[in-house]
PDB file of N, CA and C in Angstrom:
ATOM      1  N   MET A   1       8.989 -34.310  27.626  1.00  0.00           N
ATOM      2  CA  MET A   1       8.024 -34.365  27.965  1.00  0.00           C
ATOM      3  C   MET A   1       6.883 -33.628  27.796  1.00  0.00           C
ATOM      4  N   ALA A   2       6.003 -33.882  27.247  1.00  0.00           N
ATOM      5  CA  ALA A   2       4.707 -32.664  27.144  1.00  0.00           C
ATOM      6  C   ALA A   2       3.958 -32.299  28.583  1.00  0.00           C
ATOM      7  N   VAL A   3       3.773 -31.049  29.095  1.00  0.00           N
ATOM      8  CA  VAL A   3       3.046 -31.256  30.333  1.00  0.00           C
ATOM      9  C   VAL A   3       1.075 -30.844  29.851  1.00  0.00           C
ATOM     10  N   ASN A   4       0.296 -31.498  30.211  1.00  0.00           N
ATOM     11  CA  ASN A   4      -1.106 -31.331  29.985  1.00  0.00           C
ATOM     12  C   ASN A   4      -1.128 -29.718  30.870  1.00  0.00           C
ATOM     13  N   PRO A   5      -1.717 -28.550  29.941  1.00  0.00           N
ATOM     14  CA  PRO A   5      -1.793 -27.447  30.498  1.00  0.00           C
ATOM     15  C   PRO A   5      -2.863 -27.646  31.883  1.00  0.00           C
ATOM     16  N   HIS A   6      -3.767 -28.867  31.625  1.00  0.00           N
ATOM     17  CA  HIS A   6      -4.744 -28.468  32.581  1.00  0.00           C
ATOM     18  C   HIS A   6      -4.283 -28.805  34.120  1.00  0.00           C
ATOM     19  N   ASP A   7      -2.643 -29.645  34.181  1.00  0.00           N
ATOM     20  CA  ASP A   7      -2.230 -29.871  35.153  1.00  0.00           C
ATOM     21  C   ASP A   7      -1.150 -28.595  35.968  1.00  0.00           C
ATOM     22  N   LEU A   8      -0.951 -27.903  35.067  1.00  0.00           N
ATOM     23  CA  LEU A   8      -0.286 -26.485  35.784  1.00  0.00           C
ATOM     24  C   LEU A   8      -1.063 -26.035  36.251  1.00  0.00           C
ATOM     25  N   ILE A   9      -2.203 -25.573  36.086  1.00  0.00           N
ATOM     26  CA  ILE A   9      -3.135 -24.539  36.770  1.00  0.00           C
ATOM     27  C   ILE A   9      -3.964 -25.580  37.520  1.00  0.00           C
ATOM     28  N   ILE A  10      -3.916 -24.905  39.323  1.00  0.00           N
ATOM     29  CA  ILE A  10      -4.482 -26.052  40.443  1.00  0.00           C
ATOM     30  C   ILE A  10      -5.734 -25.539  40.473  1.00  0.00           C
ATOM     31  N   ALA A  11      -5.940 -24.170  40.951  1.00  0.00           N
ATOM     32  CA  ALA A  11      -7.047 -23.638  41.531  1.00  0.00           C
ATOM     33  C   ALA A  11      -6.880 -22.024  41.278  1.00  0.00           C
ATOM     34  N   PRO A  12      -7.935 -21.294  41.049  1.00  0.00           N
ATOM     35  CA  PRO A  12      -8.071 -19.830  40.992  1.00  0.00           C
ATOM     36  C   PRO A  12      -8.018 -19.100  42.602  1.00  0.00           C
ATOM     37  N   VAL A  13      -7.415 -18.292  42.983  1.00  0.00           N
ATOM     38  CA  VAL A  13      -7.481 -17.541  43.981  1.00  0.00           C
ATOM     39  C   VAL A  13      -8.748 -16.959  44.386  1.00  0.00           C
ATOM     40  N   LEU A  14      -9.268 -17.250  45.690  1.00  0.00           N
ATOM     41  CA  LEU A  14     -10.509 -16.322  45.593  1.00  0.00           C
ATOM     42  C   LEU A  14     -10.873 -15.326  47.052  1.00  0.00           C
ATOM     43  N   SER A  15      -9.502 -14.625  46.973  1.00  0.00           N
ATOM     44  CA  SER A  15      -9.581 -13.928  48.120  1.00  0.00           C
ATOM     45  C   SER A  15      -9.988 -12.724  47.596  1.00  0.00           C
ATOM     46  N   GLU A  16     -10.432 -11.810  48.713  1.00  0.00           N
ATOM     47  CA  GLU A  16     -11.262 -10.267  48.383  1.00  0.00           C
ATOM     48  C   GLU A  16     -10.312  -9.707  47.410  1.00  0.00           C
ATOM     49  N   LYS A  17      -8.779  -9.048  47.428  1.00  0.00           N
ATOM     50  CA  LYS A  17      -7.806  -8.793  46.395  1.00  0.00           C
ATOM     51  C   LYS A  17      -8.028  -9.476  45.195  1.00  0.00           C
ATOM     52  N   ALA A  18      -8.214 -10.424  45.212  1.00  0.00           N
ATOM     53  CA  ALA A  18      -7.851 -11.262  44.190  1.00  0.00           C
ATOM     54  C   ALA A  18      -9.506 -10.863  43.116  1.00  0.00           C
ATOM     55  N   LEU A  19     -10.728 -11.533  43.721  1.00  0.00           N
ATOM     56  CA  LEU A  19     -11.751 -11.048  43.115  1.00  0.00           C
ATOM     57  C   LEU A  19     -11.519  -9.584  42.618  1.00  0.00           C
ATOM     58  N   ALA A  20     -11.307  -8.559  43.585  1.00  0.00           N
ATOM     59  CA  ALA A  20     -11.651  -7.169  43.139  1.00  0.00           C
ATOM     60  C   ALA A  20     -10.933  -7.025  41.400  1.00  0.00           C
ATOM     61  N   GLY A  21      -9.414  -7.646  41.384  1.00  0.00           N
ATOM     62  CA  GLY A  21      -8.835  -7.532  40.250  1.00  0.00           C
ATOM     63  C   GLY A  21      -9.160  -7.983  38.975  1.00  0.00           C
ATOM     64  N   ILE A  22     -10.652  -8.857  38.895  1.00  0.00           N
ATOM     65  CA  ILE A  22     -10.952  -9.493  37.901  1.00  0.00           C
ATOM     66  C   ILE A  22     -11.888  -8.400  37.246  1.00  0.00           C
ATOM     67  N   GLU A  23     -12.006  -7.332  37.537  1.00  0.00           N
ATOM     68  CA  GLU A  23     -12.526  -5.667  36.982  1.00  0.00           C
ATOM     69  C   GLU A  23     -11.625  -5.332  36.278  1.00  0.00           C
ATOM     70  N   ASP A  24     -10.456  -5.477  36.453  1.00  0.00           N
ATOM     71  CA  ASP A  24      -9.535  -5.234  35.615  1.00  0.00           C
ATOM     72  C   ASP A  24      -8.929  -5.791  34.403  1.00  0.00           C
ATOM     73  N   SER A  25      -9.617  -7.112  34.400  1.00  0.00           N
ATOM     74  CA  SER A  25      -9.129  -8.505  33.567  1.00  0.00           C
ATOM     75  C   SER A  25      -8.050  -8.585  34.017  1.00  0.00           C
ATOM     76  N   ARG A  26      -7.634  -8.870  35.505  1.00  0.00           N
ATOM     77  CA  ARG A  26      -6.388  -9.868  36.251  1.00  0.00           C
ATOM     78  C   ARG A  26      -7.152 -10.788  36.694  1.00  0.00           C
ATOM     79  N   TYR A  27      -6.685 -12.072  36.643  1.00  0.00           N
ATOM     80  CA  TYR A  27      -6.750 -13.225  37.387  1.00  0.00           C
ATOM     81  C   TYR A  27      -6.005 -14.058  38.338  1.00  0.00           C
ATOM     82  N   VAL A  28      -6.188 -14.360  39.302  1.00  0.00           N
ATOM     83  CA  VAL A  28      -5.094 -14.719  39.973  1.00  0.00           C
ATOM     84  C   VAL A  28      -5.282 -16.403  40.252  1.00  0.00           C
ATOM     85  N   PHE A  29      -4.396 -17.296  40.268  1.00  0.00           N
ATOM     86  CA  PHE A  29      -4.406 -18.653  39.943  1.00  0.00           C
ATOM     87  C   PHE A  29      -2.996 -19.422  41.124  1.00  0.00           C
ATOM     88  N   PHE A  30      -3.328 -20.318  41.430  1.00  0.00           N
ATOM     89  CA  PHE A  30      -2.233 -21.103  42.141  1.00  0.00           C
ATOM     90  C   PHE A  30      -1.773 -21.965  41.320  1.00  0.00           C
ATOM     91  N   VAL A  31      -0.329 -22.124  40.527  1.00  0.00           N
ATOM     92  CA  VAL A  31       0.176 -23.143  39.775  1.00  0.00           C
ATOM     93  C   VAL A  31       1.114 -23.921  39.993  1.00  0.00           C
ATOM     94  N   LYS A  32       1.184 -24.955  39.255  1.00  0.00           N
ATOM     95  CA  LYS A  32       2.624 -25.765  39.509  1.00  0.00           C
ATOM     96  C   LYS A  32       3.602 -25.496  40.133  1.00  0.00           C
ATOM     97  N   PRO A  33       4.535 -25.512  41.152  1.00  0.00           N
ATOM     98  CA  PRO A  33       5.720 -24.923  41.253  1.00  0.00           C
ATOM     99  C   PRO A  33       6.814 -25.384  40.364  1.00  0.00           C
ATOM    100  N   GLY A  34       7.511 -24.696  40.281  1.00  0.00           N
ATOM    101  CA  GLY A  34       8.363 -24.609  39.063  1.00  0.00           C
ATOM    102  C   GLY A  34       8.009 -24.570  37.748  1.00  0.00           C
ATOM    103  N   THR A  35       6.760 -23.961  37.607  1.00  0.00           N
ATOM    104  CA  THR A  35       6.435 -23.518  36.288  1.00  0.00           C
ATOM    105  C   THR A  35       6.700 -22.226  35.672  1.00  0.00           C
ATOM    106  N   ASN A  36       7.291 -21.811  34.590  1.00  0.00           N
ATOM    107  CA  ASN A  36       8.129 -20.274  34.130  1.00  0.00           C
ATOM    108  C   ASN A  36       6.819 -19.690  33.804  1.00  0.00           C
ATOM    109  N   ARG A  37       6.817 -18.472  33.444  1.00  0.00           N
ATOM    110  CA  ARG A  37       5.870 -17.168  32.591  1.00  0.00           C
ATOM    111  C   ARG A  37       5.348 -18.085  31.587  1.00  0.00           C
ATOM    112  N   VAL A  38       6.053 -18.559  30.564  1.00  0.00           N
ATOM    113  CA  VAL A  38       5.696 -18.841  29.222  1.00  0.00           C
ATOM    114  C   VAL A  38       4.693 -20.277  29.236  1.00  0.00           C
ATOM    115  N   GLU A  39       5.269 -20.960  29.909  1.00  0.00           N
ATOM    116  CA  GLU A  39       4.106 -22.139  30.389  1.00  0.00           C
ATOM    117  C   GLU A  39       2.795 -21.819  31.133  1.00  0.00           C
ATOM    118  N   VAL A  40       2.774 -20.728  32.074  1.00  0.00           N
ATOM    119  CA  VAL A  40       1.450 -20.387  32.432  1.00  0.00           C
ATOM    120  C   VAL A  40       0.786 -19.468  31.499  1.00  0.00           C
ATOM    121  N   LYS A  41       1.241 -18.720  30.164  1.00  0.00           N
ATOM    122  CA  LYS A  41       0.735 -18.034  29.526  1.00  0.00           C
ATOM    123  C   LYS A  41       0.353 -19.334  28.844  1.00  0.00           C
ATOM    124  N   LYS A  42       0.941 -20.216  27.994  1.00  0.00           N
ATOM    125  CA  LYS A  42       0.308 -21.216  27.156  1.00  0.00           C
ATOM    126  C   LYS A  42      -0.664 -22.150  27.318  1.00  0.00           C
ATOM    127  N   ALA A  43      -0.620 -22.129  28.527  1.00  0.00           N
ATOM    128  CA  ALA A  43      -1.784 -22.729  29.686  1.00  0.00           C
ATOM    129  C   ALA A  43      -2.885 -22.222  29.749  1.00  0.00           C
ATOM    130  N   VAL A  44      -3.158 -21.214  30.322  1.00  0.00           N
ATOM    131  CA  VAL A  44      -4.351 -20.265  30.302  1.00  0.00           C
ATOM    132  C   VAL A  44      -5.030 -19.939  29.148  1.00  0.00           C
ATOM    133  N   GLU A  45      -4.014 -19.292  28.241  1.00  0.00           N
ATOM    134  CA  GLU A  45      -4.682 -19.386  26.691  1.00  0.00           C
ATOM    135  C   GLU A  45      -5.198 -20.340  26.192  1.00  0.00           C
ATOM    136  N   THR A  46      -4.641 -22.019  26.297  1.00  0.00           N
ATOM    137  CA  THR A  46      -5.101 -23.152  26.133  1.00  0.00           C
ATOM    138  C   THR A  46      -6.117 -23.531  26.474  1.00  0.00           C
ATOM    139  N   VAL A  47      -6.489 -23.536  28.063  1.00  0.00           N
ATOM    140  CA  VAL A  47      -7.710 -23.749  29.018  1.00  0.00           C
ATOM    141  C   VAL A  47      -9.007 -22.909  28.788  1.00  0.00           C
ATOM    142  N   PHE A  48      -8.593 -21.903  28.998  1.00  0.00           N
ATOM    143  CA  PHE A  48     -10.044 -21.017  28.979  1.00  0.00           C
ATOM    144  C   PHE A  48      -9.936 -19.722  27.400  1.00  0.00           C
ATOM    145  N   LYS A  49      -9.018 -20.180  26.547  1.00  0.00           N
ATOM    146  CA  LYS A  49      -9.343 -19.575  25.208  1.00  0.00           C
ATOM    147  C   LYS A  49      -9.572 -17.927  25.046  1.00  0.00           C
ATOM    148  N   VAL A  50      -8.604 -17.038  25.930  1.00  0.00           N
ATOM    149  CA  VAL A  50      -8.254 -15.775  26.035  1.00  0.00           C
ATOM    150  C   VAL A  50      -6.744 -16.180  25.573  1.00  0.00           C
ATOM    151  N   ASP A  51      -6.315 -14.457  25.253  1.00  0.00           N
ATOM    152  CA  ASP A  51      -5.239 -13.753  25.255  1.00  0.00           C
ATOM    153  C   ASP A  51      -4.815 -13.135  26.196  1.00  0.00           C
ATOM    154  N   VAL A  52      -3.165 -13.634  26.437  1.00  0.00           N
ATOM    155  CA  VAL A  52      -3.008 -12.943  27.892  1.00  0.00           C
ATOM    156  C   VAL A  52      -1.690 -11.830  27.432  1.00  0.00           C
ATOM    157  N   LEU A  53      -1.606 -11.053  27.893  1.00  0.00           N
ATOM    158  CA  LEU A  53      -0.782  -9.701  27.891  1.00  0.00           C
ATOM    159  C   LEU A  53       0.194  -9.950  28.869  1.00  0.00           C
ATOM    160  N   LYS A  54      -0.007 -10.515  29.963  1.00  0.00           N
ATOM    161  CA  LYS A  54       1.230 -10.508  30.943  1.00  0.00           C
ATOM    162  C   LYS A  54       1.265 -11.290  32.281  1.00  0.00           C
ATOM    163  N   VAL A  55       2.357 -12.308  32.674  1.00  0.00           N
ATOM    164  CA  VAL A  55       2.009 -12.852  33.862  1.00  0.00           C
ATOM    165  C   VAL A  55       2.886 -12.969  35.098  1.00  0.00           C
ATOM    166  N   ASN A  56       2.826 -12.412  36.218  1.00  0.00           N
ATOM    167  CA  ASN A  56       3.685 -12.305  37.189  1.00  0.00           C
ATOM    168  C   ASN A  56       3.521 -13.171  38.054  1.00  0.00           C
ATOM    169  N   LEU A  57       4.607 -13.809  38.400  1.00  0.00           N
ATOM    170  CA  LEU A  57       4.750 -15.088  39.667  1.00  0.00           C
ATOM    171  C   LEU A  57       5.088 -14.421  40.518  1.00  0.00           C
ATOM    172  N   LEU A  58       4.297 -15.375  41.783  1.00  0.00           N
ATOM    173  CA  LEU A  58       4.803 -14.586  43.139  1.00  0.00           C
ATOM    174  C   LEU A  58       4.965 -16.163  43.905  1.00  0.00           C
ATOM    175  N   LYS A  59       6.465 -16.244  44.716  1.00  0.00           N
ATOM    176  CA  LYS A  59       6.347 -17.219  45.494  1.00  0.00           C
ATOM    177  C   LYS A  59       5.467 -17.480  47.090  1.00  0.00           C
ATOM    178  N   VAL A  60       4.896 -17.908  47.444  1.00  0.00           N
ATOM    179  CA  VAL A  60       4.067 -17.618  48.570  1.00  0.00           C
ATOM    180  C   VAL A  60       4.703 -18.971  49.413  1.00  0.00           C
ATOM    181  N   ARG A  61       5.579 -18.339  50.424  1.00  0.00           N
ATOM    182  CA  ARG A  61       5.821 -19.310  51.746  1.00  0.00           C
ATOM    183  C   ARG A  61       5.081 -19.773  52.659  1.00  0.00           C
ATOM    184  N   GLY A  62       5.116 -21.206  52.751  1.00  0.00           N
ATOM    185  CA  GLY A  62       4.294 -22.003  53.745  1.00  0.00           C
ATOM    186  C   GLY A  62       4.212 -21.234  55.379  1.00  0.00           C
ATOM    187  N   LYS A  63       3.342 -21.543  55.635  1.00  0.00           N
ATOM    188  CA  LYS A  63       2.770 -20.985  56.783  1.00  0.00           C
ATOM    189  C   LYS A  63       3.571 -21.763  58.198  1.00  0.00           C
ATOM    190  N   HIS A  64       4.181 -21.203  59.247  1.00  0.00           N
ATOM    191  CA  HIS A  64       4.447 -22.178  60.428  1.00  0.00           C
ATOM    192  C   HIS A  64       3.251 -22.704  60.979  1.00  0.00           C
ATOM    193  N   ARG A  65       3.255 -23.868  61.264  1.00  0.00           N
ATOM    194  CA  ARG A  65       1.617 -24.919  62.104  1.00  0.00           C
ATOM    195  C   ARG A  65       2.319 -25.311  62.978  1.00  0.00           C
ATOM    196  N   ALA A  66       1.948 -25.457  64.328  1.00  0.00           N
ATOM    197  CA  ALA A  66       2.138 -26.092  65.304  1.00  0.00           C
ATOM    198  C   ALA A  66       0.761 -26.751  66.010  1.00  0.00           C
ATOM    199  N   GLN A  67       1.017 -27.928  66.477  1.00  0.00           N
ATOM    200  CA  GLN A  67       0.020 -28.631  66.857  1.00  0.00           C
ATOM    201  C   GLN A  67       0.394 -29.527  68.271  1.00  0.00           C
ATOM    202  N   GLY A  68       0.326 -29.241  69.292  1.00  0.00           N
ATOM    203  CA  GLY A  68       1.148 -29.550  70.575  1.00  0.00           C
ATOM    204  C   GLY A  68       2.331 -29.337  70.488  1.00  0.00           C
ATOM    205  N   ARG A  69       3.085 -30.175  70.623  1.00  0.00           N
ATOM    206  CA  ARG A  69       4.329 -30.709  70.619  1.00  0.00           C
ATOM    207  C   ARG A  69       5.156 -30.683  69.181  1.00  0.00           C
ATOM    208  N   THR A  70       4.338 -30.679  68.239  1.00  0.00           N
ATOM    209  CA  THR A  70       5.008 -31.372  67.244  1.00  0.00           C
ATOM    210  C   THR A  70       4.475 -29.681  66.046  1.00  0.00           C
ATOM    211  N   SER A  71       5.268 -29.559  65.536  1.00  0.00           N
ATOM    212  CA  SER A  71       5.386 -28.121  64.385  1.00  0.00           C
ATOM    213  C   SER A  71       6.255 -28.749  63.385  1.00  0.00           C
ATOM    214  N   GLY A  72       5.611 -27.966  62.173  1.00  0.00           N
ATOM    215  CA  GLY A  72       6.246 -28.118  60.774  1.00  0.00           C
ATOM    216  C   GLY A  72       5.314 -26.710  60.292  1.00  0.00           C
ATOM    217  N   ARG A  73       5.936 -26.651  58.634  1.00  0.00           N
ATOM    218  CA  ARG A  73       5.306 -25.780  57.799  1.00  0.00           C
ATOM    219  C   ARG A  73       4.544 -26.190  56.842  1.00  0.00           C
ATOM    220  N   SER A  74       3.345 -25.587  56.404  1.00  0.00           N
ATOM    221  CA  SER A  74       2.759 -26.103  54.754  1.00  0.00           C
ATOM    222  C   SER A  74       3.028 -25.977  54.013  1.00  0.00           C
ATOM    223  N   ALA A  75       3.163 -26.115  53.033  1.00  0.00           N
ATOM    224  CA  ALA A  75       3.657 -26.535  51.974  1.00  0.00           C
ATOM    225  C   ALA A  75       4.022 -24.959  51.200  1.00  0.00           C
ATOM    226  N   ASP A  76       5.049 -24.876  50.429  1.00  0.00           N
ATOM    227  CA  ASP A  76       5.145 -23.632  49.666  1.00  0.00           C
ATOM    228  C   ASP A  76       4.325 -23.684  48.327  1.00  0.00           C
ATOM    229  N   ARG A  77       3.983 -22.462  47.928  1.00  0.00           N
ATOM    230  CA  ARG A  77       2.876 -22.414  46.746  1.00  0.00           C
ATOM    231  C   ARG A  77       3.573 -20.994  45.652  1.00  0.00           C
ATOM    232  N   LEU A  78       2.722 -21.615  44.078  1.00  0.00           N
ATOM    233  CA  LEU A  78       3.657 -20.561  43.427  1.00  0.00           C
ATOM    234  C   LEU A  78       1.940 -19.741  42.936  1.00  0.00           C
ATOM    235  N   LYS A  79       2.395 -18.357  42.815  1.00  0.00           N
ATOM    236  CA  LYS A  79       0.686 -17.883  42.237  1.00  0.00           C
ATOM    237  C   LYS A  79       1.168 -16.815  41.177  1.00  0.00           C
ATOM    238  N   ALA A  80      -0.040 -17.020  40.036  1.00  0.00           N
ATOM    239  CA  ALA A  80       0.207 -16.554  38.854  1.00  0.00           C
ATOM    240  C   ALA A  80      -0.677 -15.543  38.933  1.00  0.00           C
ATOM    241  N   VAL A  81      -0.631 -14.268  38.369  1.00  0.00           N
ATOM    242  CA  VAL A  81      -1.242 -13.140  38.267  1.00  0.00           C
ATOM    243  C   VAL A  81      -1.520 -12.906  36.808  1.00  0.00           C
ATOM    244  N   VAL A  82      -2.053 -13.240  36.367  1.00  0.00           N
ATOM    245  CA  VAL A  82      -2.493 -12.989  34.686  1.00  0.00           C
ATOM    246  C   VAL A  82      -3.209 -11.761  34.393  1.00  0.00           C
ATOM    247  N   THR A  83      -2.749 -11.299  33.607  1.00  0.00           N
ATOM    248  CA  THR A  83      -3.542 -10.065  32.822  1.00  0.00           C
ATOM    249  C   THR A  83      -3.665 -10.420  31.451  1.00  0.00           C
ATOM    250  N   LEU A  84      -5.632 -10.597  31.374  1.00  0.00           N
ATOM    251  CA  LEU A  84      -5.654 -10.427  29.668  1.00  0.00           C
ATOM    252  C   LEU A  84      -5.847  -9.101  29.340  1.00  0.00           C
ATOM    253  N   LYS A  85      -6.102  -9.430  27.740  1.00  0.00           N
ATOM    254  CA  LYS A  85      -6.547  -8.109  27.264  1.00  0.00           C
ATOM    255  C   LYS A  85      -7.604  -7.785  27.225  1.00  0.00           C
ATOM    256  N   ALA A  86      -7.825  -6.206  27.410  1.00  0.00           N
ATOM    257  CA  ALA A  86      -8.582  -5.336  27.384  1.00  0.00           C
ATOM    258  C   ALA A  86     -10.205  -6.199  26.762  1.00  0.00           C
ATOM    259  N   GLY A  87     -11.327  -6.324  27.653  1.00  0.00           N
ATOM    260  CA  GLY A  87     -12.241  -6.399  27.312  1.00  0.00           C
ATOM    261  C   GLY A  87     -12.730  -8.148  27.473  1.00  0.00           C
ATOM    262  N   GLN A  88     -11.075  -9.249  27.666  1.00  0.00           N
ATOM    263  CA  GLN A  88     -11.636 -10.436  27.354  1.00  0.00           C
ATOM    264  C   GLN A  88     -12.119 -10.748  28.842  1.00  0.00           C
ATOM    265  N   ARG A  89     -12.904 -11.876  29.306  1.00  0.00           N
ATOM    266  CA  ARG A  89     -13.148 -12.437  30.531  1.00  0.00           C
ATOM    267  C   ARG A  89     -13.046 -13.867  30.407  1.00  0.00           C
ATOM    268  N   ILE A  90     -12.922 -14.437  31.723  1.00  0.00           N
ATOM    269  CA  ILE A  90     -12.700 -15.787  31.754  1.00  0.00           C
ATOM    270  C   ILE A  90     -14.536 -15.964  32.291  1.00  0.00           C
ATOM    271  N   GLU A  91     -14.951 -16.716  31.515  1.00  0.00           N
ATOM    272  CA  GLU A  91     -16.540 -16.996  31.792  1.00  0.00           C
ATOM    273  C   GLU A  91     -16.800 -17.909  32.650  1.00  0.00           C
ATOM    274  N   GLN A  92     -15.911 -19.027  32.998  1.00  0.00           N
ATOM    275  CA  GLN A  92     -15.997 -19.776  34.280  1.00  0.00           C
ATOM    276  C   GLN A  92     -15.741 -19.310  35.503  1.00  0.00           C
ATOM    277  N   LEU A  93     -15.407 -18.196  35.467  1.00  0.00           N
ATOM    278  CA  LEU A  93     -14.882 -17.108  36.973  1.00  0.00           C
ATOM    279  C   LEU A  93     -15.587 -15.831  37.033  1.00  0.00           C
ATOM    280  N   ASP A  94     -16.471 -15.660  36.049  1.00  0.00           N
ATOM    281  CA  ASP A  94     -17.343 -14.608  36.161  1.00  0.00           C
ATOM    282  C   ASP A  94     -18.134 -14.171  37.593  1.00  0.00           C
ATOM    283  N   GLY A  95     -19.015 -15.466  37.504  1.00  0.00           N
ATOM    284  CA  GLY A  95     -19.974 -15.582  38.703  1.00  0.00           C
ATOM    285  C   GLY A  95     -19.200 -15.247  39.966  1.00  0.00           C
ATOM    286  N   LEU A  96     -17.938 -15.133  40.313  1.00  0.00           N
ATOM    287  CA  LEU A  96     -17.603 -15.067  41.502  1.00  0.00           C
ATOM    288  C   LEU A  96     -17.743 -13.516  42.140  1.00  0.00           C
ATOM    289  N   THR A  97     -17.277 -12.750  40.812  1.00  0.00           N
ATOM    290  CA  THR A  97     -17.732 -11.037  41.758  1.00  0.00           C
ATOM    291  C   THR A  97     -18.878 -10.638  42.274  1.00  0.00           C
TER     292      THR A  97
END
């Protein structure tokens, strides 16, 4: 079953640390859980038309949440740190820095 590359990339991470990495051609995305490095690399190359050198994946555990008597956890997520070839940029995310 072929997976649409647009479905693998959920959203860019817009934290201060992630935005600082854009200067070094490092972009951070939330990706679909269960995705591997090769799938992330192909998805970013297809969607944004860039060359990916390296992909690092991080599992982000959900935070404990409580409201009154009810408690639980938010969902676990998967973060991908994507390093592009020197000099390449993702134009859709350039205005964020």
